[in-house]
Amino acid sequence: MTAAPSPGGRAPNPSRERILGRIRRALSDVPPHERPRDHPVPRDYRHTHGQRTAAESVDLLADNLADYRATVHRSDADGLPALLAELLAQRGARRVVVPTGLPSGWLAQAPVELVRDSASLTPHDLDALDSVVTGCALAIAETGTLVLDAGPDQGRRRITLVPDHHLCVVRVADQVVDSVPQALGRLDPTRPLTWISGPSATSDIELDRVEGVHGPRALDVVLLM
């Protein structure tokens, strides 16, 4: 015998109702008119751990990125096209997906086919590409994290998740922050944010690390000085 569906057309779900019941009981003494914004949460915690110079923050970022098994490079603007061409050649990349707003000079020296991001690219299409080259929104020194927000030089989230190799350029002068709180203060929460700490990886119960499960297997980061 099956249970009758609920008035909304769904079959009864005991687990769901048990959870909702606990929430209702926990909120039973809250006035109906009260809203979360009526009780601001104090955010007076530290925004950084210790004091650093700008150069020390960049070094910390590089160390933490490397700790997450990203490969870190440094370059100035004049040397960037040659470095990007070299890194793509080392990967044997022939077809590279790029955001529509990627600076045109970045890949001027790379003998590759550039595939511009577009809504018509399917996951299958992206899986057939060798690399993706993007900029970023911010990079966080204390956590070794790159943050992408789908800006013109970053493109849609899917182009940085499907290809096996991601090459990301960080503008040191204006994109490196010390901490997550500092990053949150500069990011727009309404944008699609992607937080990247090293190549995609996971471990099973025996801690066997497998890379490339949820995103690129290899991550190259260029710190543009």
C-alpha atoms as a PDB file:
ATOM      1  CA  MET A   1       0.000   0.000   0.000  1.00  0.00           C
ATOM      2  CA  THR A   2       1.465   3.381  -0.991  1.00  0.00           C
ATOM      3  CA  ALA A   3       1.040   6.643   0.859  1.00  0.00           C
ATOM      4  CA  ALA A   4      -1.282   9.218  -0.627  1.00  0.00           C
ATOM      5  CA  PRO A   5       0.431  12.225  -2.180  1.00  0.00           C
ATOM      6  CA  SER A   6       0.455  15.505  -0.322  1.00  0.00           C
ATOM      7  CA  PRO A   7      -1.814  18.375  -1.457  1.00  0.00           C
ATOM      8  CA  GLY A   8       1.082  19.778  -3.450  1.00  0.00           C
ATOM      9  CA  GLY A   9       1.308  16.578  -5.479  1.00  0.00           C
ATOM     10  CA  ARG A  10       4.397  15.183  -3.713  1.00  0.00           C
ATOM     11  CA  ALA A  11       4.470  11.889  -1.873  1.00  0.00           C
ATOM     12  CA  PRO A  12       4.997  12.324   1.887  1.00  0.00           C
ATOM     13  CA  ASN A  13       8.665  12.525   2.837  1.00  0.00           C
ATOM     14  CA  PRO A  14       9.136  11.674   6.533  1.00  0.00           C
ATOM     15  CA  SER A  15      12.742  12.893   6.625  1.00  0.00           C
ATOM     16  CA  ARG A  16      11.813  16.228   5.081  1.00  0.00           C
ATOM     17  CA  GLU A  17       8.927  16.737   7.472  1.00  0.00           C
ATOM     18  CA  ARG A  18      11.098  15.826  10.458  1.00  0.00           C
ATOM     19  CA  ILE A  19      13.717  18.405   9.476  1.00  0.00           C
ATOM     20  CA  LEU A  20      11.116  21.108   8.809  1.00  0.00           C
ATOM     21  CA  GLY A  21       9.467  20.293  12.136  1.00  0.00           C
ATOM     22  CA  ARG A  22      12.733  20.890  13.977  1.00  0.00           C
ATOM     23  CA  ILE A  23      13.187  24.208  12.188  1.00  0.00           C
ATOM     24  CA  ARG A  24       9.659  25.305  13.114  1.00  0.00           C
ATOM     25  CA  ARG A  25      10.241  24.433  16.771  1.00  0.00           C
ATOM     26  CA  ALA A  26      13.570  26.298  16.801  1.00  0.00           C
ATOM     27  CA  LEU A  27      11.842  29.381  15.387  1.00  0.00           C
ATOM     28  CA  SER A  28       8.718  29.173  17.507  1.00  0.00           C
ATOM     29  CA  ASP A  29       9.730  32.112  19.745  1.00  0.00           C
ATOM     30  CA  VAL A  30      10.699  34.405  16.847  1.00  0.00           C
ATOM     31  CA  PRO A  31       8.109  37.136  16.145  1.00  0.00           C
ATOM     32  CA  PRO A  32       6.538  36.764  12.686  1.00  0.00           C
ATOM     33  CA  HIS A  33       7.665  40.263  11.649  1.00  0.00           C
ATOM     34  CA  GLU A  34      11.341  39.703  12.515  1.00  0.00           C
ATOM     35  CA  ARG A  35      13.882  39.317   9.715  1.00  0.00           C
ATOM     36  CA  PRO A  36      17.596  38.280   9.776  1.00  0.00           C
ATOM     37  CA  ARG A  37      18.682  41.815   8.904  1.00  0.00           C
ATOM     38  CA  ASP A  38      17.144  43.028  12.166  1.00  0.00           C
ATOM     39  CA  HIS A  39      20.072  41.441  14.018  1.00  0.00           C
ATOM     40  CA  PRO A  40      23.338  42.261  12.212  1.00  0.00           C
ATOM     41  CA  VAL A  41      26.144  39.770  12.759  1.00  0.00           C
ATOM     42  CA  PRO A  42      29.304  41.364  14.235  1.00  0.00           C
ATOM     43  CA  ARG A  43      32.145  41.059  11.742  1.00  0.00           C
ATOM     44  CA  ASP A  44      34.945  42.533  13.805  1.00  0.00           C
ATOM     45  CA  TYR A  45      37.314  39.621  13.236  1.00  0.00           C
ATOM     46  CA  ARG A  46      40.809  40.106  11.861  1.00  0.00           C
ATOM     47  CA  HIS A  47      41.032  40.788   8.166  1.00  0.00           C
ATOM     48  CA  THR A  48      44.619  39.572   7.912  1.00  0.00           C
ATOM     49  CA  HIS A  49      46.954  37.379   9.921  1.00  0.00           C
ATOM     50  CA  GLY A  50      50.067  39.448  10.553  1.00  0.00           C
ATOM     51  CA  GLN A  51      51.574  42.338   8.618  1.00  0.00           C
ATOM     52  CA  ARG A  52      53.152  41.922   5.180  1.00  0.00           C
ATOM     53  CA  THR A  53      54.619  44.055   2.480  1.00  0.00           C
ATOM     54  CA  ALA A  54      53.127  43.772  -0.995  1.00  0.00           C
ATOM     55  CA  ALA A  55      56.102  41.652  -2.081  1.00  0.00           C
ATOM     56  CA  GLU A  56      55.657  39.316   0.898  1.00  0.00           C
ATOM     57  CA  SER A  57      51.982  38.852   0.018  1.00  0.00           C
ATOM     58  CA  VAL A  58      52.913  37.866  -3.523  1.00  0.00           C
ATOM     59  CA  ASP A  59      55.516  35.412  -2.231  1.00  0.00           C
ATOM     60  CA  LEU A  60      52.958  33.909   0.161  1.00  0.00           C
ATOM     61  CA  LEU A  61      50.474  33.545  -2.688  1.00  0.00           C
ATOM     62  CA  ALA A  62      53.099  31.797  -4.817  1.00  0.00           C
ATOM     63  CA  ASP A  63      54.046  29.438  -1.972  1.00  0.00           C
ATOM     64  CA  ASN A  64      50.430  28.486  -1.253  1.00  0.00           C
ATOM     65  CA  LEU A  65      49.601  27.994  -4.918  1.00  0.00           C
ATOM     66  CA  ALA A  66      52.606  25.675  -5.238  1.00  0.00           C
ATOM     67  CA  ASP A  67      51.551  23.864  -2.074  1.00  0.00           C
ATOM     68  CA  TYR A  68      48.269  23.078  -3.825  1.00  0.00           C
ATOM     69  CA  ARG A  69      50.279  21.691  -6.774  1.00  0.00           C
ATOM     70  CA  ALA A  70      49.724  24.603  -9.104  1.00  0.00           C
ATOM     71  CA  THR A  71      52.762  25.614 -11.154  1.00  0.00           C
ATOM     72  CA  VAL A  72      53.642  29.256 -10.578  1.00  0.00           C
ATOM     73  CA  HIS A  73      55.461  31.548 -13.021  1.00  0.00           C
ATOM     74  CA  ARG A  74      56.337  35.232 -12.935  1.00  0.00           C
ATOM     75  CA  SER A  75      56.473  37.623 -15.835  1.00  0.00           C
ATOM     76  CA  ASP A  76      56.273  41.261 -16.815  1.00  0.00           C
ATOM     77  CA  ALA A  77      53.907  42.515 -19.506  1.00  0.00           C
ATOM     78  CA  ASP A  78      56.545  42.407 -22.253  1.00  0.00           C
ATOM     79  CA  GLY A  79      57.457  38.789 -21.539  1.00  0.00           C
ATOM     80  CA  LEU A  80      53.908  37.489 -21.053  1.00  0.00           C
ATOM     81  CA  PRO A  81      53.101  36.498 -24.685  1.00  0.00           C
ATOM     82  CA  ALA A  82      56.309  34.465 -25.004  1.00  0.00           C
ATOM     83  CA  LEU A  83      55.751  32.778 -21.637  1.00  0.00           C
ATOM     84  CA  LEU A  84      52.153  31.826 -22.433  1.00  0.00           C
ATOM     85  CA  ALA A  85      53.259  30.447 -25.797  1.00  0.00           C
ATOM     86  CA  GLU A  86      55.970  28.396 -24.080  1.00  0.00           C
ATOM     87  CA  LEU A  87      53.630  26.992 -21.433  1.00  0.00           C
ATOM     88  CA  LEU A  88      51.046  25.955 -24.022  1.00  0.00           C
ATOM     89  CA  ALA A  89      53.773  24.348 -26.136  1.00  0.00           C
ATOM     90  CA  GLN A  90      54.989  22.377 -23.123  1.00  0.00           C
ATOM     91  CA  ARG A  91      51.479  20.968 -22.786  1.00  0.00           C
ATOM     92  CA  GLY A  92      51.281  20.197 -26.494  1.00  0.00           C
ATOM     93  CA  ALA A  93      48.198  22.402 -26.699  1.00  0.00           C
ATOM     94  CA  ARG A  94      46.869  22.982 -30.199  1.00  0.00           C
ATOM     95  CA  ARG A  95      43.308  24.193 -29.581  1.00  0.00           C
ATOM     96  CA  VAL A  96      42.726  26.648 -26.743  1.00  0.00           C
ATOM     97  CA  VAL A  97      39.451  28.111 -25.497  1.00  0.00           C
ATOM     98  CA  VAL A  98      39.593  31.765 -24.453  1.00  0.00           C
ATOM     99  CA  PRO A  99      37.069  34.258 -23.042  1.00  0.00           C
ATOM    100  CA  THR A 100      35.776  36.875 -25.448  1.00  0.00           C
ATOM    101  CA  GLY A 101      37.470  39.645 -23.449  1.00  0.00           C
ATOM    102  CA  LEU A 102      40.930  38.127 -23.125  1.00  0.00           C
ATOM    103  CA  PRO A 103      43.532  40.794 -24.045  1.00  0.00           C
ATOM    104  CA  SER A 104      44.419  40.189 -27.682  1.00  0.00           C
ATOM    105  CA  GLY A 105      48.171  40.442 -27.162  1.00  0.00           C
ATOM    106  CA  TRP A 106      48.422  37.712 -24.534  1.00  0.00           C
ATOM    107  CA  LEU A 107      48.421  34.856 -27.040  1.00  0.00           C
ATOM    108  CA  ALA A 108      49.898  36.730 -29.994  1.00  0.00           C
ATOM    109  CA  GLN A 109      52.956  34.454 -30.057  1.00  0.00           C
ATOM    110  CA  ALA A 110      51.175  31.144 -29.432  1.00  0.00           C
ATOM    111  CA  PRO A 111      50.801  28.998 -32.589  1.00  0.00           C
ATOM    112  CA  VAL A 112      47.454  27.587 -31.483  1.00  0.00           C
ATOM    113  CA  GLU A 113      43.885  27.658 -32.701  1.00  0.00           C
ATOM    114  CA  LEU A 114      41.901  30.014 -30.480  1.00  0.00           C
ATOM    115  CA  VAL A 115      38.309  28.984 -29.785  1.00  0.00           C
ATOM    116  CA  ARG A 116      36.269  31.895 -28.451  1.00  0.00           C
ATOM    117  CA  ASP A 117      33.848  31.141 -25.664  1.00  0.00           C
ATOM    118  CA  SER A 118      30.239  31.050 -26.808  1.00  0.00           C
ATOM    119  CA  ALA A 119      26.945  29.589 -25.636  1.00  0.00           C
ATOM    120  CA  SER A 120      27.095  27.106 -28.504  1.00  0.00           C
ATOM    121  CA  LEU A 121      30.110  25.292 -26.983  1.00  0.00           C
ATOM    122  CA  THR A 122      28.895  22.105 -25.338  1.00  0.00           C
ATOM    123  CA  PRO A 123      30.740  20.204 -22.592  1.00  0.00           C
ATOM    124  CA  HIS A 124      31.671  17.669 -25.289  1.00  0.00           C
ATOM    125  CA  ASP A 125      33.173  20.474 -27.413  1.00  0.00           C
ATOM    126  CA  LEU A 126      35.139  21.807 -24.430  1.00  0.00           C
ATOM    127  CA  ASP A 127      36.400  18.342 -23.539  1.00  0.00           C
ATOM    128  CA  ALA A 128      38.010  18.143 -26.975  1.00  0.00           C
ATOM    129  CA  LEU A 129      40.052  21.306 -26.335  1.00  0.00           C
ATOM    130  CA  ASP A 130      43.544  21.179 -24.858  1.00  0.00           C
ATOM    131  CA  SER A 131      43.699  24.232 -22.610  1.00  0.00           C
ATOM    132  CA  VAL A 132      41.889  27.321 -21.384  1.00  0.00           C
ATOM    133  CA  VAL A 133      43.577  30.697 -20.799  1.00  0.00           C
ATOM    134  CA  THR A 134      41.920  33.277 -18.541  1.00  0.00           C
ATOM    135  CA  GLY A 135      42.510  36.163 -16.226  1.00  0.00           C
ATOM    136  CA  CYS A 136      40.961  36.270 -12.767  1.00  0.00           C
ATOM    137  CA  ALA A 137      39.040  38.616 -10.470  1.00  0.00           C
ATOM    138  CA  LEU A 138      41.269  38.225  -7.401  1.00  0.00           C
ATOM    139  CA  ALA A 139      43.950  36.013  -5.879  1.00  0.00           C
ATOM    140  CA  ILE A 140      44.103  35.391  -2.117  1.00  0.00           C
ATOM    141  CA  ALA A 141      47.579  35.101  -0.617  1.00  0.00           C
ATOM    142  CA  GLU A 142      46.720  33.401   2.682  1.00  0.00           C
ATOM    143  CA  THR A 143      44.820  30.560   1.025  1.00  0.00           C
ATOM    144  CA  GLY A 144      46.465  30.314  -2.394  1.00  0.00           C
ATOM    145  CA  THR A 145      43.074  30.791  -4.017  1.00  0.00           C
ATOM    146  CA  LEU A 146      42.130  32.227  -7.396  1.00  0.00           C
ATOM    147  CA  VAL A 147      38.664  33.758  -7.682  1.00  0.00           C
ATOM    148  CA  LEU A 148      36.905  34.065 -11.034  1.00  0.00           C
ATOM    149  CA  ASP A 149      33.681  36.049 -11.452  1.00  0.00           C
ATOM    150  CA  ALA A 150      32.870  35.487 -15.142  1.00  0.00           C
ATOM    151  CA  GLY A 151      34.374  38.837 -16.113  1.00  0.00           C
ATOM    152  CA  PRO A 152      35.281  39.549 -19.759  1.00  0.00           C
ATOM    153  CA  ASP A 153      38.765  38.020 -19.410  1.00  0.00           C
ATOM    154  CA  GLN A 154      37.426  34.946 -17.576  1.00  0.00           C
ATOM    155  CA  GLY A 155      34.309  33.854 -19.448  1.00  0.00           C
ATOM    156  CA  ARG A 156      31.712  31.365 -18.352  1.00  0.00           C
ATOM    157  CA  ARG A 157      32.440  28.984 -15.507  1.00  0.00           C
ATOM    158  CA  ARG A 158      32.229  25.902 -17.704  1.00  0.00           C
ATOM    159  CA  ILE A 159      35.241  26.830 -19.834  1.00  0.00           C
ATOM    160  CA  THR A 160      37.471  26.646 -16.736  1.00  0.00           C
ATOM    161  CA  LEU A 161      36.008  23.355 -15.515  1.00  0.00           C
ATOM    162  CA  VAL A 162      36.045  21.075 -18.550  1.00  0.00           C
ATOM    163  CA  PRO A 163      39.427  21.459 -20.357  1.00  0.00           C
ATOM    164  CA  ASP A 164      42.234  19.495 -18.724  1.00  0.00           C
ATOM    165  CA  HIS A 165      44.643  22.445 -18.417  1.00  0.00           C
ATOM    166  CA  HIS A 166      43.929  25.924 -17.057  1.00  0.00           C
ATOM    167  CA  LEU A 167      46.419  28.751 -17.530  1.00  0.00           C
ATOM    168  CA  CYS A 168      45.444  31.741 -15.369  1.00  0.00           C
ATOM    169  CA  VAL A 169      47.069  35.194 -15.337  1.00  0.00           C
ATOM    170  CA  VAL A 170      46.996  37.264 -12.131  1.00  0.00           C
ATOM    171  CA  ARG A 171      47.707  40.984 -12.274  1.00  0.00           C
ATOM    172  CA  VAL A 172      49.781  41.415  -9.124  1.00  0.00           C
ATOM    173  CA  ALA A 173      49.377  45.197  -8.868  1.00  0.00           C
ATOM    174  CA  ASP A 174      45.607  45.202  -8.369  1.00  0.00           C
ATOM    175  CA  GLN A 175      44.376  41.624  -7.951  1.00  0.00           C
ATOM    176  CA  VAL A 176      46.322  40.152  -5.006  1.00  0.00           C
ATOM    177  CA  VAL A 177      44.696  40.454  -1.565  1.00  0.00           C
ATOM    178  CA  ASP A 178      45.898  39.009   1.718  1.00  0.00           C
ATOM    179  CA  SER A 179      42.807  37.240   3.044  1.00  0.00           C
ATOM    180  CA  VAL A 180      39.342  35.878   2.362  1.00  0.00           C
ATOM    181  CA  PRO A 181      37.629  38.755   4.259  1.00  0.00           C
ATOM    182  CA  GLN A 182      39.472  41.255   2.085  1.00  0.00           C
ATOM    183  CA  ALA A 183      38.408  39.352  -1.026  1.00  0.00           C
ATOM    184  CA  LEU A 184      34.764  39.238   0.028  1.00  0.00           C
ATOM    185  CA  GLY A 185      34.793  42.985   0.515  1.00  0.00           C
ATOM    186  CA  ARG A 186      35.822  43.480  -3.108  1.00  0.00           C
ATOM    187  CA  LEU A 187      33.749  40.787  -4.822  1.00  0.00           C
ATOM    188  CA  ASP A 188      30.204  41.198  -6.103  1.00  0.00           C
ATOM    189  CA  PRO A 189      28.106  38.432  -4.476  1.00  0.00           C
ATOM    190  CA  THR A 190      25.579  38.580  -7.309  1.00  0.00           C
ATOM    191  CA  ARG A 191      28.152  37.361  -9.833  1.00  0.00           C
ATOM    192  CA  PRO A 192      28.929  33.653 -10.421  1.00  0.00           C
ATOM    193  CA  LEU A 193      32.046  33.190  -8.302  1.00  0.00           C
ATOM    194  CA  THR A 194      34.440  30.271  -8.827  1.00  0.00           C
ATOM    195  CA  TRP A 195      37.078  29.695  -6.133  1.00  0.00           C
ATOM    196  CA  ILE A 196      40.110  27.692  -7.279  1.00  0.00           C
ATOM    197  CA  SER A 197      42.778  26.369  -4.923  1.00  0.00           C
ATOM    198  CA  GLY A 198      45.098  24.310  -7.119  1.00  0.00           C
ATOM    199  CA  PRO A 199      44.165  21.723  -9.747  1.00  0.00           C
ATOM    200  CA  SER A 200      40.928  19.855  -9.196  1.00  0.00           C
ATOM    201  CA  ALA A 201      41.539  16.933  -6.846  1.00  0.00           C
ATOM    202  CA  THR A 202      39.802  14.561  -4.494  1.00  0.00           C
ATOM    203  CA  SER A 203      40.803  11.702  -2.186  1.00  0.00           C
ATOM    204  CA  ASP A 204      38.994   8.513  -1.320  1.00  0.00           C
ATOM    205  CA  ILE A 205      38.681   7.068   2.169  1.00  0.00           C
ATOM    206  CA  GLU A 206      42.268   5.756   1.945  1.00  0.00           C
ATOM    207  CA  LEU A 207      43.511   9.252   0.969  1.00  0.00           C
ATOM    208  CA  ASP A 208      44.539   8.251  -2.542  1.00  0.00           C
ATOM    209  CA  ARG A 209      44.653  11.563  -4.394  1.00  0.00           C
ATOM    210  CA  VAL A 210      43.052  11.721  -7.840  1.00  0.00           C
ATOM    211  CA  GLU A 211      43.365  14.916  -9.889  1.00  0.00           C
ATOM    212  CA  GLY A 212      41.076  16.187 -12.619  1.00  0.00           C
ATOM    213  CA  VAL A 213      37.838  14.872 -11.129  1.00  0.00           C
ATOM    214  CA  HIS A 214      35.918  18.147 -10.847  1.00  0.00           C
ATOM    215  CA  GLY A 215      37.954  20.378 -13.148  1.00  0.00           C
ATOM    216  CA  PRO A 216      41.370  20.816 -14.783  1.00  0.00           C
ATOM    217  CA  ARG A 217      44.068  18.279 -13.980  1.00  0.00           C
ATOM    218  CA  ALA A 218      46.801  20.915 -14.372  1.00  0.00           C
ATOM    219  CA  LEU A 219      46.887  24.558 -13.293  1.00  0.00           C
ATOM    220  CA  ASP A 220      49.519  27.068 -14.405  1.00  0.00           C
ATOM    221  CA  VAL A 221      49.404  30.478 -12.724  1.00  0.00           C
ATOM    222  CA  VAL A 222      51.309  33.459 -14.135  1.00  0.00           C
ATOM    223  CA  LEU A 223      51.912  36.310 -11.698  1.00  0.00           C
ATOM    224  CA  LEU A 224      52.026  39.363 -13.928  1.00  0.00           C
ATOM    225  CA  MET A 225      54.333  41.779 -12.145  1.00  0.00           C
END
